Every structure is written in structure tokens, then in C-alpha cells.
Protein backbone atom coordinates (compact mmCIF):
# COMPACT_ATOMS: atom_id res chain seq x y z
CA MET A 1 -85.12 -73.47 79.78
CA SER A 2 -86.18 -77.01 79.02
CA ASP A 3 -85.02 -80.56 79.52
CA PHE A 4 -87.11 -81.82 76.63
CA GLU A 5 -85.81 -84.45 74.31
CA LEU A 6 -84.22 -83.18 71.11
CA ALA A 7 -87.29 -84.16 69.04
CA GLU A 8 -89.50 -82.03 71.28
CA LEU A 9 -87.13 -79.09 71.02
CA ASN A 10 -87.22 -79.40 67.22
CA ALA A 11 -91.03 -79.63 67.22
CA LEU A 12 -91.33 -76.46 69.29
CA SER A 13 -88.88 -74.63 67.03
CA SER A 14 -90.76 -75.57 63.88
CA THR A 15 -94.16 -74.73 65.39
CA PHE A 16 -93.16 -71.40 66.95
CA GLU A 17 -90.62 -69.81 64.63
CA ASP A 18 -89.68 -66.93 66.96
CA ILE A 19 -89.31 -69.05 70.08
CA LYS A 20 -85.97 -69.04 71.88
CA ILE A 21 -85.36 -72.42 73.49
CA ASP A 22 -82.62 -72.99 75.99
CA GLY A 23 -82.37 -76.76 76.19
CA THR A 24 -80.35 -78.23 78.98
CA LEU A 25 -76.93 -79.53 78.16
CA TYR A 26 -78.06 -82.97 79.31
CA ALA A 27 -80.68 -83.17 76.56
CA THR A 28 -78.43 -82.06 73.73
CA ASP A 29 -74.91 -83.20 74.52
CA LYS A 30 -73.91 -86.87 74.18
CA GLU A 31 -70.81 -86.41 76.33
CA VAL A 32 -72.89 -85.06 79.21
CA ARG A 33 -75.39 -87.91 78.95
CA LEU A 34 -72.54 -90.41 79.02
CA ALA A 35 -71.01 -88.67 82.04
CA PHE A 36 -74.31 -88.97 83.94
CA LYS A 37 -74.57 -92.66 83.04
CA ARG A 38 -71.09 -93.19 84.41
CA LEU A 39 -71.96 -91.35 87.62
CA LYS A 40 -74.80 -93.79 88.27
CA CYS A 41 -72.24 -96.59 88.34
CA LEU A 42 -70.68 -95.12 91.48
CA ALA A 43 -73.54 -96.66 93.48
CA PHE A 44 -72.16 -100.13 92.70
CA ILE A 45 -68.53 -99.49 93.65
CA LYS A 46 -67.16 -100.32 97.11
CA PRO A 47 -67.99 -97.36 99.38
CA ASN A 48 -64.32 -96.77 100.24
CA ASP A 49 -63.48 -96.52 96.52
CA VAL A 50 -66.26 -94.13 95.45
CA ILE A 51 -64.27 -90.90 95.81
CA TYR A 52 -61.31 -92.40 93.94
CA ALA A 53 -63.63 -93.62 91.17
CA PHE A 54 -65.25 -90.18 91.01
CA LYS A 55 -61.83 -88.59 90.55
CA LEU A 56 -61.14 -90.99 87.68
CA LEU A 57 -64.46 -90.06 86.08
CA LYS A 58 -63.63 -86.36 86.43
CA LYS A 59 -60.58 -86.88 84.24
CA ILE A 60 -62.69 -88.11 81.31
CA CYS A 61 -65.71 -85.81 81.77
CA PRO A 62 -66.25 -82.54 79.93
CA SER A 63 -64.39 -79.78 81.80
CA ASN A 64 -67.58 -77.91 82.72
CA LEU A 65 -68.76 -80.92 84.76
CA THR A 66 -65.73 -81.52 86.93
CA ILE A 67 -66.65 -79.56 90.05
CA ARG A 68 -66.79 -81.73 93.16
CA LYS A 69 -68.83 -80.63 96.15
CA VAL A 70 -69.57 -82.30 99.44
CA PRO A 71 -72.39 -84.74 98.64
CA SER A 72 -75.88 -84.00 99.97
CA PHE A 73 -76.12 -87.55 101.30
CA PRO A 74 -73.41 -89.74 102.81
CA ILE A 75 -72.04 -92.38 100.45
CA LEU A 76 -73.24 -95.20 102.69
CA SER A 77 -76.84 -93.98 102.40
CA TRP A 78 -77.02 -94.44 98.60
CA ASN A 79 -74.29 -96.95 97.83
CA CYS A 80 -75.66 -100.43 97.11
CA HIS A 81 -72.43 -102.38 96.47
CA ASP A 82 -72.79 -104.63 99.52
CA LYS A 83 -76.54 -105.04 99.03
CA VAL A 84 -75.99 -106.38 95.52
CA LEU A 85 -73.35 -108.84 96.68
CA ASP A 86 -75.57 -109.99 99.57
CA GLY A 87 -78.65 -110.32 97.34
CA ARG A 88 -80.53 -107.69 99.36
CA GLN A 89 -82.98 -105.21 97.89
CA ARG A 90 -81.51 -101.99 96.55
CA THR A 91 -84.77 -100.04 96.61
CA ASN A 92 -87.67 -99.45 98.93
CA ASN A 93 -90.24 -100.56 96.34
CA THR A 94 -91.80 -103.11 98.69
CA LEU A 95 -92.28 -100.44 101.33
CA GLU A 96 -93.82 -98.11 98.73
CA ALA A 97 -96.15 -100.92 97.64
CA TRP A 98 -97.21 -101.47 101.25
CA HIS A 99 -97.94 -97.76 101.70
CA LEU A 100 -100.01 -97.74 98.51
CA ALA A 101 -101.98 -100.79 99.62
CA PHE A 102 -102.52 -99.23 103.05
CA GLU A 103 -103.69 -95.97 101.47
CA ASN A 104 -106.06 -97.86 99.17
CA ASP A 105 -107.39 -99.71 102.20
CA VAL A 106 -107.94 -96.84 104.64
CA GLY A 107 -107.86 -93.86 102.28
CA LYS A 108 -105.79 -90.72 102.38
CA HIS A 109 -105.55 -88.94 105.72
CA PRO A 110 -107.41 -91.63 107.69
CA THR A 111 -108.70 -90.94 111.16
CA ILE A 112 -107.57 -93.09 114.07
CA LYS A 113 -111.06 -94.59 114.13
CA ASN A 114 -110.77 -95.69 110.48
CA ILE A 115 -107.41 -97.33 111.13
CA VAL A 116 -108.65 -99.08 114.27
CA ASP A 117 -111.82 -100.25 112.51
CA ARG A 118 -109.80 -101.57 109.58
CA SER A 119 -107.32 -103.26 111.93
CA TYR A 120 -110.20 -104.97 113.72
CA CYS A 121 -111.51 -106.35 110.40
CA ILE A 122 -108.07 -107.69 109.57
CA SER A 123 -107.60 -109.21 113.03
CA ASN A 124 -110.82 -111.20 112.59
CA ASP A 125 -109.64 -112.67 109.29
CA SER A 126 -107.86 -115.92 110.21
CA SER A 127 -106.23 -116.32 106.78
CA ILE A 128 -104.43 -113.01 107.20
CA LEU A 129 -103.32 -113.96 110.71
CA GLU A 130 -102.00 -117.31 109.46
CA TYR A 131 -100.13 -115.56 106.66
CA LEU A 132 -98.56 -113.07 109.10
CA ASP A 133 -97.56 -115.93 111.40
CA SER A 134 -95.88 -117.69 108.49
CA LEU A 135 -93.92 -114.52 107.70
CA SER A 136 -92.70 -114.16 111.27
CA ALA A 137 -91.53 -117.78 111.20
CA VAL A 138 -89.34 -116.99 108.18
CA VAL A 139 -87.75 -113.96 109.84
């Protein structure tokens, strides 16, 4: 089973003549790819209208994709309709960037001592303190 692109599936077939490749439907079927693209749009619809919109999508999807199950996550946890209208961030990229910077600063699996030592260095840097003060003034 593979989710390779069609070109990769063809390359494997031509290189290994006796290979049996089971590509995923997503990689080989245009209708399925289009259905998945449409599903992504549900994140931008009003939360109260998501189930109705999903039912509309089911009507135009291939019949083997029309099973509806209880979602793993509540609609409000992934829907970003209101965030877009309010100009708020839709992702946690800034948080991920902060974690990466923190990890680069103190390393992976830091000890409490390393974190305290690093915090002390930062607290003695007046430019950082001024910057943090300016941020708190904005909030």
C-alpha cells in the first residue's frame, strides 16, 4: 500500500516489473482528491452550518466516501470561521516558533538548573526586559 504520487507509482512499476502496488485512492483518483479539497473548506464555514455543508458535500462525493462518523474533535476546536473574520491567527505557528527558539536556547530535555541559569542571563539583559515590557503594554 502506498500514497505515492502517480509518477512514483509508475517509476516503481517500470523498475520492478513483478511488483504489485496498491496505491491509495487519494493518489490515483481525481474525484477523491477534489472531495478532500472540498472537505478542507468546512473549516471556514460558520460552525453551526458545518454539518449541513458536510451533508451537501456528501451528495456530490463518490459513493464510497459518504460515511459520516462522529468527529474525533469538536467542530469548535478546528473551525476557524470566526478567527478569519476577526483577523486572528488560525494556526499555532507562533507558539511552535517559540518552542523551537526555546529548545535551541536551552537544548532538548533541559534540567531545571539550565532553565534557571538561562532565565538569569535573560533577566540581566535590559534590552530583552524593555522589549517584554513593550509587549505587555500592547496587550
